[in-house]
Amino acid sequence: MLLQGKRIAIFNVANKRSIAWSIAKSMDAQGASLILGYQNERNKGTVEGLAEELVHEPLAILPCDVAYPEQIEELQESLKDKADTIHGLVHSLAFAPREALQHAYLFTEREQFLTALEISVYSLVALARALTPVFSSQASISTLTYYGSEKVMPNYNVMGVAKAALEASVRYLAHDLGTAGVRVNAISAGPINTVSARGVSGFLDILKVHEQRAPLGRTVEGREVGDTAVFLASDLASGITGEVIYVDTGYNIMGF
């Protein structure tokens, strides 16, 4: 029970295939008390239904559409009311317009670029700042990234750029929040067949290549990403901050 007594907020759970839900299940199994976020009313019922599958009833299920600054600001008071302080934050938020993932990066429109960076990167900064007053003295922040931040993945396009900015943000936030005892890390997960991932043109081909070239000869499972998130949120990772942890069955070590 690595997370017994810890209160952890996860923003956002979208559906049963989402990485955030895999993380929620792993953390619940290790004794965490969870706060689950959802984007809008359309997702609320889905998240409430999923929450019934957890061993421990969530402390709260809260709206969090990071496109609206007022919702981020309201989270501070909501979390104070529901949990007093929290020991961890999982940032699982990313978005780019579908058109930006179907054509060459060269043709990314300004609005598409700004949207991807706001939702996928700035939201981490905004949430970290808003929730700083409710973090415990040894809290942990984890976010989700992907190897497309380092190497070109055809059709990943502006999301690759966003993930590179996200990883840089992890390092800067780790520096800024270190004196408060808050750790900030990223998990670089291999490709997982989620609803959002299928928005990348040619995603199934990426899965096949990953399976063929990864040292373990397979793709990663959501459970494995969830278990890594548990470790990073636990006291076992108390000396780790500003890092990108690869959970991709070894794909990133291969040159060819």
C-alpha atoms as a PDB file:
ATOM      1  CA  MET A   1       0.000   0.000   0.000  1.00  0.00           C
ATOM      2  CA  LEU A   2       2.554   2.545  -1.205  1.00  0.00           C
ATOM      3  CA  LEU A   3       0.073   5.418  -1.286  1.00  0.00           C
ATOM      4  CA  GLN A   4      -1.852   4.738   1.907  1.00  0.00           C
ATOM      5  CA  GLY A   5      -2.880   8.054   3.453  1.00  0.00           C
ATOM      6  CA  LYS A   6      -2.026  10.079   0.349  1.00  0.00           C
ATOM      7  CA  ARG A   7      -4.557  12.267  -1.434  1.00  0.00           C
ATOM      8  CA  ILE A   8      -3.908  12.598  -5.158  1.00  0.00           C
ATOM      9  CA  ALA A   9      -5.700  14.635  -7.819  1.00  0.00           C
ATOM     10  CA  ILE A  10      -5.846  13.308 -11.391  1.00  0.00           C
ATOM     11  CA  PHE A  11      -6.772  15.697 -14.195  1.00  0.00           C
ATOM     12  CA  ASN A  12      -8.401  14.479 -16.379  1.00  0.00           C
ATOM     13  CA  VAL A  13     -10.007  11.076 -16.777  1.00  0.00           C
ATOM     14  CA  ALA A  14     -11.739  10.812 -20.152  1.00  0.00           C
ATOM     15  CA  ASN A  15     -12.826   7.180 -20.508  1.00  0.00           C
ATOM     16  CA  LYS A  16     -11.869   3.624 -19.566  1.00  0.00           C
ATOM     17  CA  ARG A  17      -9.118   3.491 -22.198  1.00  0.00           C
ATOM     18  CA  SER A  18      -7.379   6.672 -21.077  1.00  0.00           C
ATOM     19  CA  ILE A  19      -3.958   6.559 -19.437  1.00  0.00           C
ATOM     20  CA  ALA A  20      -5.353   8.680 -16.611  1.00  0.00           C
ATOM     21  CA  TRP A  21      -7.804   5.901 -15.780  1.00  0.00           C
ATOM     22  CA  SER A  22      -5.002   3.305 -15.734  1.00  0.00           C
ATOM     23  CA  ILE A  23      -3.148   5.562 -13.302  1.00  0.00           C
ATOM     24  CA  ALA A  24      -6.268   5.986 -11.174  1.00  0.00           C
ATOM     25  CA  LYS A  25      -6.714   2.211 -10.896  1.00  0.00           C
ATOM     26  CA  SER A  26      -3.075   1.639  -9.934  1.00  0.00           C
ATOM     27  CA  MET A  27      -3.137   4.402  -7.333  1.00  0.00           C
ATOM     28  CA  ASP A  28      -6.444   3.203  -5.909  1.00  0.00           C
ATOM     29  CA  ALA A  29      -5.015  -0.315  -5.566  1.00  0.00           C
ATOM     30  CA  GLN A  30      -2.134   1.139  -3.546  1.00  0.00           C
ATOM     31  CA  GLY A  31      -4.424   2.898  -1.089  1.00  0.00           C
ATOM     32  CA  ALA A  32      -4.572   6.456  -2.443  1.00  0.00           C
ATOM     33  CA  SER A  33      -7.574   8.692  -1.851  1.00  0.00           C
ATOM     34  CA  LEU A  34      -8.326  10.181  -5.253  1.00  0.00           C
ATOM     35  CA  ILE A  35      -9.796  13.356  -6.659  1.00  0.00           C
ATOM     36  CA  LEU A  36     -10.829  12.732 -10.271  1.00  0.00           C
ATOM     37  CA  GLY A  37     -11.204  15.481 -12.829  1.00  0.00           C
ATOM     38  CA  TYR A  38     -13.359  15.584 -15.936  1.00  0.00           C
ATOM     39  CA  GLN A  39     -13.474  18.078 -18.797  1.00  0.00           C
ATOM     40  CA  ASN A  40     -17.182  18.808 -19.224  1.00  0.00           C
ATOM     41  CA  GLU A  41     -20.708  17.587 -18.521  1.00  0.00           C
ATOM     42  CA  ARG A  42     -20.468  15.095 -21.363  1.00  0.00           C
ATOM     43  CA  ASN A  43     -17.610  13.347 -19.546  1.00  0.00           C
ATOM     44  CA  LYS A  44     -19.003  13.686 -16.028  1.00  0.00           C
ATOM     45  CA  GLY A  45     -21.304  10.654 -16.185  1.00  0.00           C
ATOM     46  CA  THR A  46     -18.545   8.500 -17.669  1.00  0.00           C
ATOM     47  CA  VAL A  47     -16.114   9.359 -14.877  1.00  0.00           C
ATOM     48  CA  GLU A  48     -18.771   8.870 -12.192  1.00  0.00           C
ATOM     49  CA  GLY A  49     -19.494   5.435 -13.642  1.00  0.00           C
ATOM     50  CA  LEU A  50     -15.818   4.472 -13.715  1.00  0.00           C
ATOM     51  CA  ALA A  51     -15.376   5.663 -10.133  1.00  0.00           C
ATOM     52  CA  GLU A  52     -17.782   2.973  -8.994  1.00  0.00           C
ATOM     53  CA  GLU A  53     -15.200   0.375 -10.070  1.00  0.00           C
ATOM     54  CA  LEU A  54     -12.587   1.670  -7.623  1.00  0.00           C
ATOM     55  CA  VAL A  55     -11.948  -0.001  -4.293  1.00  0.00           C
ATOM     56  CA  HIS A  56     -12.025   3.332  -2.470  1.00  0.00           C
ATOM     57  CA  GLU A  57     -14.669   5.962  -3.140  1.00  0.00           C
ATOM     58  CA  PRO A  58     -13.078   9.127  -4.573  1.00  0.00           C
ATOM     59  CA  LEU A  59     -12.899  12.158  -2.305  1.00  0.00           C
ATOM     60  CA  ALA A  60     -14.355  14.233  -5.119  1.00  0.00           C
ATOM     61  CA  ILE A  61     -15.098  14.298  -8.843  1.00  0.00           C
ATOM     62  CA  LEU A  62     -14.477  17.810 -10.116  1.00  0.00           C
ATOM     63  CA  PRO A  63     -14.804  19.711 -13.421  1.00  0.00           C
ATOM     64  CA  CYS A  64     -11.514  20.898 -14.916  1.00  0.00           C
ATOM     65  CA  ASP A  65     -11.526  22.347 -18.408  1.00  0.00           C
ATOM     66  CA  VAL A  66      -8.121  24.021 -18.573  1.00  0.00           C
ATOM     67  CA  ALA A  67      -9.240  26.190 -21.491  1.00  0.00           C
ATOM     68  CA  TYR A  68     -11.099  28.236 -18.858  1.00  0.00           C
ATOM     69  CA  PRO A  69      -8.735  29.892 -16.311  1.00  0.00           C
ATOM     70  CA  GLU A  70     -11.565  30.377 -13.835  1.00  0.00           C
ATOM     71  CA  GLN A  71     -12.024  26.602 -13.549  1.00  0.00           C
ATOM     72  CA  ILE A  72      -8.352  26.176 -12.673  1.00  0.00           C
ATOM     73  CA  GLU A  73      -8.603  28.907 -10.041  1.00  0.00           C
ATOM     74  CA  GLU A  74     -11.716  27.327  -8.533  1.00  0.00           C
ATOM     75  CA  LEU A  75      -9.873  24.028  -8.047  1.00  0.00           C
ATOM     76  CA  GLN A  76      -7.831  25.462  -5.181  1.00  0.00           C
ATOM     77  CA  GLU A  77     -10.906  26.143  -3.054  1.00  0.00           C
ATOM     78  CA  SER A  78     -12.573  22.899  -4.125  1.00  0.00           C
ATOM     79  CA  LEU A  79      -9.547  20.860  -3.072  1.00  0.00           C
ATOM     80  CA  LYS A  80      -9.206  22.723   0.217  1.00  0.00           C
ATOM     81  CA  ASP A  81     -12.836  21.897   0.927  1.00  0.00           C
ATOM     82  CA  LYS A  82     -12.670  18.240  -0.124  1.00  0.00           C
ATOM     83  CA  ALA A  83      -9.146  17.235   0.868  1.00  0.00           C
ATOM     84  CA  ASP A  84      -7.507  20.080   2.840  1.00  0.00           C
ATOM     85  CA  THR A  85      -4.086  19.285   1.365  1.00  0.00           C
ATOM     86  CA  ILE A  86      -3.031  16.954  -1.441  1.00  0.00           C
ATOM     87  CA  HIS A  87       0.086  14.841  -1.786  1.00  0.00           C
ATOM     88  CA  GLY A  88       0.099  14.490  -5.537  1.00  0.00           C
ATOM     89  CA  LEU A  89      -1.096  15.797  -8.876  1.00  0.00           C
ATOM     90  CA  VAL A  90      -1.269  13.807 -12.095  1.00  0.00           C
ATOM     91  CA  HIS A  91      -1.427  15.981 -15.205  1.00  0.00           C
ATOM     92  CA  SER A  92      -2.865  13.944 -18.068  1.00  0.00           C
ATOM     93  CA  LEU A  93      -4.029  16.697 -20.397  1.00  0.00           C
ATOM     94  CA  ALA A  94      -3.157  17.041 -24.072  1.00  0.00           C
ATOM     95  CA  PHE A  95      -4.960  18.207 -27.179  1.00  0.00           C
ATOM     96  CA  ALA A  96      -4.281  19.320 -30.726  1.00  0.00           C
ATOM     97  CA  PRO A  97      -6.858  19.938 -33.454  1.00  0.00           C
ATOM     98  CA  ARG A  98      -7.293  16.834 -35.594  1.00  0.00           C
ATOM     99  CA  GLU A  99      -6.264  18.702 -38.748  1.00  0.00           C
ATOM    100  CA  ALA A 100      -2.848  19.429 -37.221  1.00  0.00           C
ATOM    101  CA  LEU A 101      -2.233  15.686 -36.867  1.00  0.00           C
ATOM    102  CA  GLN A 102      -3.177  14.799 -40.436  1.00  0.00           C
ATOM    103  CA  HIS A 103      -0.926  17.073 -42.475  1.00  0.00           C
ATOM    104  CA  ALA A 104       2.766  17.978 -42.477  1.00  0.00           C
ATOM    105  CA  TYR A 105       3.976  20.061 -39.534  1.00  0.00           C
ATOM    106  CA  LEU A 106       4.908  22.755 -42.060  1.00  0.00           C
ATOM    107  CA  PHE A 107       1.235  23.501 -42.537  1.00  0.00           C
ATOM    108  CA  THR A 108       0.353  23.921 -38.853  1.00  0.00           C
ATOM    109  CA  GLU A 109      -1.840  26.991 -38.473  1.00  0.00           C
ATOM    110  CA  ARG A 110      -1.145  29.568 -35.757  1.00  0.00           C
ATOM    111  CA  GLU A 111      -4.418  28.833 -33.953  1.00  0.00           C
ATOM    112  CA  GLN A 112      -3.730  25.090 -34.001  1.00  0.00           C
ATOM    113  CA  PHE A 113      -0.238  25.660 -32.598  1.00  0.00           C
ATOM    114  CA  LEU A 114      -1.421  27.935 -29.800  1.00  0.00           C
ATOM    115  CA  THR A 115      -4.251  25.579 -28.849  1.00  0.00           C
ATOM    116  CA  ALA A 116      -1.911  22.591 -28.606  1.00  0.00           C
ATOM    117  CA  LEU A 117       0.607  24.476 -26.463  1.00  0.00           C
ATOM    118  CA  GLU A 118      -2.040  25.988 -24.180  1.00  0.00           C
ATOM    119  CA  ILE A 119      -3.872  22.761 -23.403  1.00  0.00           C
ATOM    120  CA  SER A 120      -0.910  20.365 -23.452  1.00  0.00           C
ATOM    121  CA  VAL A 121       1.785  22.490 -21.805  1.00  0.00           C
ATOM    122  CA  TYR A 122       0.614  25.696 -20.168  1.00  0.00           C
ATOM    123  CA  SER A 123      -2.074  23.784 -18.283  1.00  0.00           C
ATOM    124  CA  LEU A 124       0.682  22.070 -16.279  1.00  0.00           C
ATOM    125  CA  VAL A 125       2.135  25.443 -15.281  1.00  0.00           C
ATOM    126  CA  ALA A 126      -1.284  26.865 -14.447  1.00  0.00           C
ATOM    127  CA  LEU A 127      -2.339  23.864 -12.357  1.00  0.00           C
ATOM    128  CA  ALA A 128       0.967  23.725 -10.494  1.00  0.00           C
ATOM    129  CA  ARG A 129       0.690  27.409  -9.609  1.00  0.00           C
ATOM    130  CA  ALA A 130      -2.975  27.239  -8.618  1.00  0.00           C
ATOM    131  CA  LEU A 131      -2.524  24.158  -6.441  1.00  0.00           C
ATOM    132  CA  THR A 132       0.744  25.167  -4.747  1.00  0.00           C
ATOM    133  CA  PRO A 133      -1.153  26.405  -1.639  1.00  0.00           C
ATOM    134  CA  VAL A 134      -2.792  22.982  -1.181  1.00  0.00           C
ATOM    135  CA  PHE A 135       0.276  20.795  -1.795  1.00  0.00           C
ATOM    136  CA  SER A 136       1.730  18.965   1.177  1.00  0.00           C
ATOM    137  CA  SER A 137       5.386  19.575   2.033  1.00  0.00           C
ATOM    138  CA  GLN A 138       6.548  16.557   0.001  1.00  0.00           C
ATOM    139  CA  ALA A 139       4.079  16.485  -2.846  1.00  0.00           C
ATOM    140  CA  SER A 140       4.616  14.994  -6.283  1.00  0.00           C
ATOM    141  CA  ILE A 141       3.535  16.199  -9.725  1.00  0.00           C
ATOM    142  CA  SER A 142       3.599  13.782 -12.666  1.00  0.00           C
ATOM    143  CA  THR A 143       2.744  14.472 -16.281  1.00  0.00           C
ATOM    144  CA  LEU A 144       2.576  12.343 -19.423  1.00  0.00           C
ATOM    145  CA  THR A 145       4.854  12.765 -22.411  1.00  0.00           C
ATOM    146  CA  TYR A 146       5.949  10.746 -25.463  1.00  0.00           C
ATOM    147  CA  TYR A 147       9.137  10.012 -27.423  1.00  0.00           C
ATOM    148  CA  GLY A 148       7.837  12.201 -30.268  1.00  0.00           C
ATOM    149  CA  SER A 149       9.254  15.076 -28.212  1.00  0.00           C
ATOM    150  CA  GLU A 150      12.765  13.941 -29.168  1.00  0.00           C
ATOM    151  CA  LYS A 151      12.461  12.160 -32.501  1.00  0.00           C
ATOM    152  CA  VAL A 152      10.209  12.765 -35.469  1.00  0.00           C
ATOM    153  CA  MET A 153       7.097  10.604 -35.431  1.00  0.00           C
ATOM    154  CA  PRO A 154       5.273  11.151 -38.738  1.00  0.00           C
ATOM    155  CA  ASN A 155       1.936  12.920 -38.218  1.00  0.00           C
ATOM    156  CA  TYR A 156       2.580  13.573 -34.521  1.00  0.00           C
ATOM    157  CA  ASN A 157       3.556  17.059 -35.639  1.00  0.00           C
ATOM    158  CA  VAL A 158       2.605  19.880 -33.270  1.00  0.00           C
ATOM    159  CA  MET A 159       2.082  17.419 -30.417  1.00  0.00           C
ATOM    160  CA  GLY A 160       5.763  16.484 -30.642  1.00  0.00           C
ATOM    161  CA  VAL A 161       6.646  20.150 -30.261  1.00  0.00           C
ATOM    162  CA  ALA A 162       4.198  20.476 -27.372  1.00  0.00           C
ATOM    163  CA  LYS A 163       5.658  17.453 -25.592  1.00  0.00           C
ATOM    164  CA  ALA A 164       9.169  18.893 -25.963  1.00  0.00           C
ATOM    165  CA  ALA A 165       7.930  22.087 -24.310  1.00  0.00           C
ATOM    166  CA  LEU A 166       6.197  20.012 -21.636  1.00  0.00           C
ATOM    167  CA  GLU A 167       9.438  18.216 -20.761  1.00  0.00           C
ATOM    168  CA  ALA A 168      11.282  21.537 -20.536  1.00  0.00           C
ATOM    169  CA  SER A 169       8.497  22.818 -18.276  1.00  0.00           C
ATOM    170  CA  VAL A 170       8.983  19.809 -15.999  1.00  0.00           C
ATOM    171  CA  ARG A 171      12.611  20.786 -15.466  1.00  0.00           C
ATOM    172  CA  TYR A 172      11.850  24.457 -14.800  1.00  0.00           C
ATOM    173  CA  LEU A 173       8.966  23.643 -12.462  1.00  0.00           C
ATOM    174  CA  ALA A 174      11.156  21.140 -10.614  1.00  0.00           C
ATOM    175  CA  HIS A 175      13.587  23.976  -9.993  1.00  0.00           C
ATOM    176  CA  ASP A 176      10.914  26.470  -8.956  1.00  0.00           C
ATOM    177  CA  LEU A 177       9.042  24.112  -6.627  1.00  0.00           C
ATOM    178  CA  GLY A 178      12.013  22.237  -5.203  1.00  0.00           C
ATOM    179  CA  THR A 179      12.446  24.555  -2.220  1.00  0.00           C
ATOM    180  CA  ALA A 180       8.838  23.780  -1.255  1.00  0.00           C
ATOM    181  CA  GLY A 181       9.614  20.067  -1.359  1.00  0.00           C
ATOM    182  CA  VAL A 182       7.427  19.470  -4.413  1.00  0.00           C
ATOM    183  CA  ARG A 183       8.832  17.055  -7.007  1.00  0.00           C
ATOM    184  CA  VAL A 184       7.948  17.283 -10.713  1.00  0.00           C
ATOM    185  CA  ASN A 185       8.515  14.451 -13.199  1.00  0.00           C
ATOM    186  CA  ALA A 186       7.271  13.160 -16.531  1.00  0.00           C
ATOM    187  CA  ILE A 187       6.461   9.651 -17.675  1.00  0.00           C
ATOM    188  CA  SER A 188       7.290   9.029 -21.323  1.00  0.00           C
ATOM    189  CA  ALA A 189       4.851   6.258 -22.158  1.00  0.00           C
ATOM    190  CA  GLY A 190       5.095   4.159 -25.275  1.00  0.00           C
ATOM    191  CA  PRO A 191       2.155   4.279 -27.686  1.00  0.00           C
ATOM    192  CA  ILE A 192      -1.074   2.992 -26.154  1.00  0.00           C
ATOM    193  CA  ASN A 193      -4.255   2.451 -28.124  1.00  0.00           C
ATOM    194  CA  THR A 194      -6.354   5.206 -26.560  1.00  0.00           C
ATOM    195  CA  VAL A 195      -9.124   7.233 -28.178  1.00  0.00           C
ATOM    196  CA  SER A 196      -6.920  10.330 -28.372  1.00  0.00           C
ATOM    197  CA  ALA A 197      -3.932   8.407 -29.769  1.00  0.00           C
ATOM    198  CA  ARG A 198      -6.045   7.129 -32.643  1.00  0.00           C
ATOM    199  CA  GLY A 199      -6.445  10.746 -33.711  1.00  0.00           C
ATOM    200  CA  VAL A 200      -2.857  10.604 -34.993  1.00  0.00           C
ATOM    201  CA  SER A 201      -2.883   9.534 -38.627  1.00  0.00           C
ATOM    202  CA  GLY A 202      -1.074   6.209 -39.048  1.00  0.00           C
ATOM    203  CA  PHE A 203      -1.136   5.414 -35.328  1.00  0.00           C
ATOM    204  CA  LEU A 204      -1.686   1.687 -35.878  1.00  0.00           C
ATOM    205  CA  ASP A 205       1.499   1.607 -37.966  1.00  0.00           C
ATOM    206  CA  ILE A 206       3.370   3.222 -35.069  1.00  0.00           C
ATOM    207  CA  LEU A 207       2.129   0.435 -32.779  1.00  0.00           C
ATOM    208  CA  LYS A 208       3.374  -2.245 -35.186  1.00  0.00           C
ATOM    209  CA  VAL A 209       6.827  -0.709 -35.550  1.00  0.00           C
ATOM    210  CA  HIS A 210       7.121  -0.245 -31.788  1.00  0.00           C
ATOM    211  CA  GLU A 211       6.307  -3.901 -31.181  1.00  0.00           C
ATOM    212  CA  GLN A 212       8.850  -5.026 -33.778  1.00  0.00           C
ATOM    213  CA  ARG A 213      11.742  -2.880 -32.526  1.00  0.00           C
ATOM    214  CA  ALA A 214      11.292  -2.585 -28.771  1.00  0.00           C
ATOM    215  CA  PRO A 215      13.669  -4.864 -26.803  1.00  0.00           C
ATOM    216  CA  LEU A 216      10.738  -6.483 -24.984  1.00  0.00           C
ATOM    217  CA  GLY A 217       9.021  -7.208 -28.295  1.00  0.00           C
ATOM    218  CA  ARG A 218       5.709  -5.649 -27.369  1.00  0.00           C
ATOM    219  CA  THR A 219       3.942  -2.388 -26.683  1.00  0.00           C
ATOM    220  CA  VAL A 220       3.443  -1.033 -23.181  1.00  0.00           C
ATOM    221  CA  GLU A 221       0.328  -1.635 -21.099  1.00  0.00           C
ATOM    222  CA  GLY A 222      -1.629   1.081 -19.339  1.00  0.00           C
ATOM    223  CA  ARG A 223      -1.135  -0.772 -16.067  1.00  0.00           C
ATOM    224  CA  GLU A 224       2.635  -0.384 -16.398  1.00  0.00           C
ATOM    225  CA  VAL A 225       2.315   3.362 -16.824  1.00  0.00           C
ATOM    226  CA  GLY A 226      -0.058   3.463 -13.853  1.00  0.00           C
ATOM    227  CA  ASP A 227       2.372   1.546 -11.658  1.00  0.00           C
ATOM    228  CA  THR A 228       5.177   3.947 -12.573  1.00  0.00           C
ATOM    229  CA  ALA A 229       2.958   6.859 -11.594  1.00  0.00           C
ATOM    230  CA  VAL A 230       2.407   5.132  -8.240  1.00  0.00           C
ATOM    231  CA  PHE A 231       6.159   4.894  -7.715  1.00  0.00           C
ATOM    232  CA  LEU A 232       6.731   8.562  -8.546  1.00  0.00           C
ATOM    233  CA  ALA A 233       3.975   9.634  -6.146  1.00  0.00           C
ATOM    234  CA  SER A 234       5.293   7.418  -3.360  1.00  0.00           C
ATOM    235  CA  ASP A 235       7.998   8.049  -0.780  1.00  0.00           C
ATOM    236  CA  LEU A 236      10.217   5.597  -2.664  1.00  0.00           C
ATOM    237  CA  ALA A 237      10.813   8.333  -5.265  1.00  0.00           C
ATOM    238  CA  SER A 238      11.555  11.079  -2.744  1.00  0.00           C
ATOM    239  CA  GLY A 239      14.902  11.914  -4.385  1.00  0.00           C
ATOM    240  CA  ILE A 240      13.674  12.067  -7.988  1.00  0.00           C
ATOM    241  CA  THR A 241      12.645  15.330  -9.634  1.00  0.00           C
ATOM    242  CA  GLY A 242      12.940  17.003 -13.025  1.00  0.00           C
ATOM    243  CA  GLU A 243      13.218  13.644 -14.776  1.00  0.00           C
ATOM    244  CA  VAL A 244      11.612  11.954 -17.766  1.00  0.00           C
ATOM    245  CA  ILE A 245      11.005   8.286 -16.937  1.00  0.00           C
ATOM    246  CA  TYR A 246      10.591   6.028 -19.974  1.00  0.00           C
ATOM    247  CA  VAL A 247       7.937   3.323 -19.808  1.00  0.00           C
ATOM    248  CA  ASP A 248       8.053   2.135 -23.405  1.00  0.00           C
ATOM    249  CA  THR A 249       9.364  -1.470 -23.269  1.00  0.00           C
ATOM    250  CA  GLY A 250      12.784  -0.095 -24.160  1.00  0.00           C
ATOM    251  CA  TYR A 251      11.949   1.423 -27.550  1.00  0.00           C
ATOM    252  CA  ASN A 252      13.803   4.681 -26.789  1.00  0.00           C
ATOM    253  CA  ILE A 253      17.204   2.967 -26.440  1.00  0.00           C
ATOM    254  CA  MET A 254      17.189   1.628 -29.995  1.00  0.00           C
ATOM    255  CA  GLY A 255      19.042   3.359 -32.802  1.00  0.00           C
ATOM    256  CA  PHE A 256      17.321   1.203 -35.414  1.00  0.00           C
END
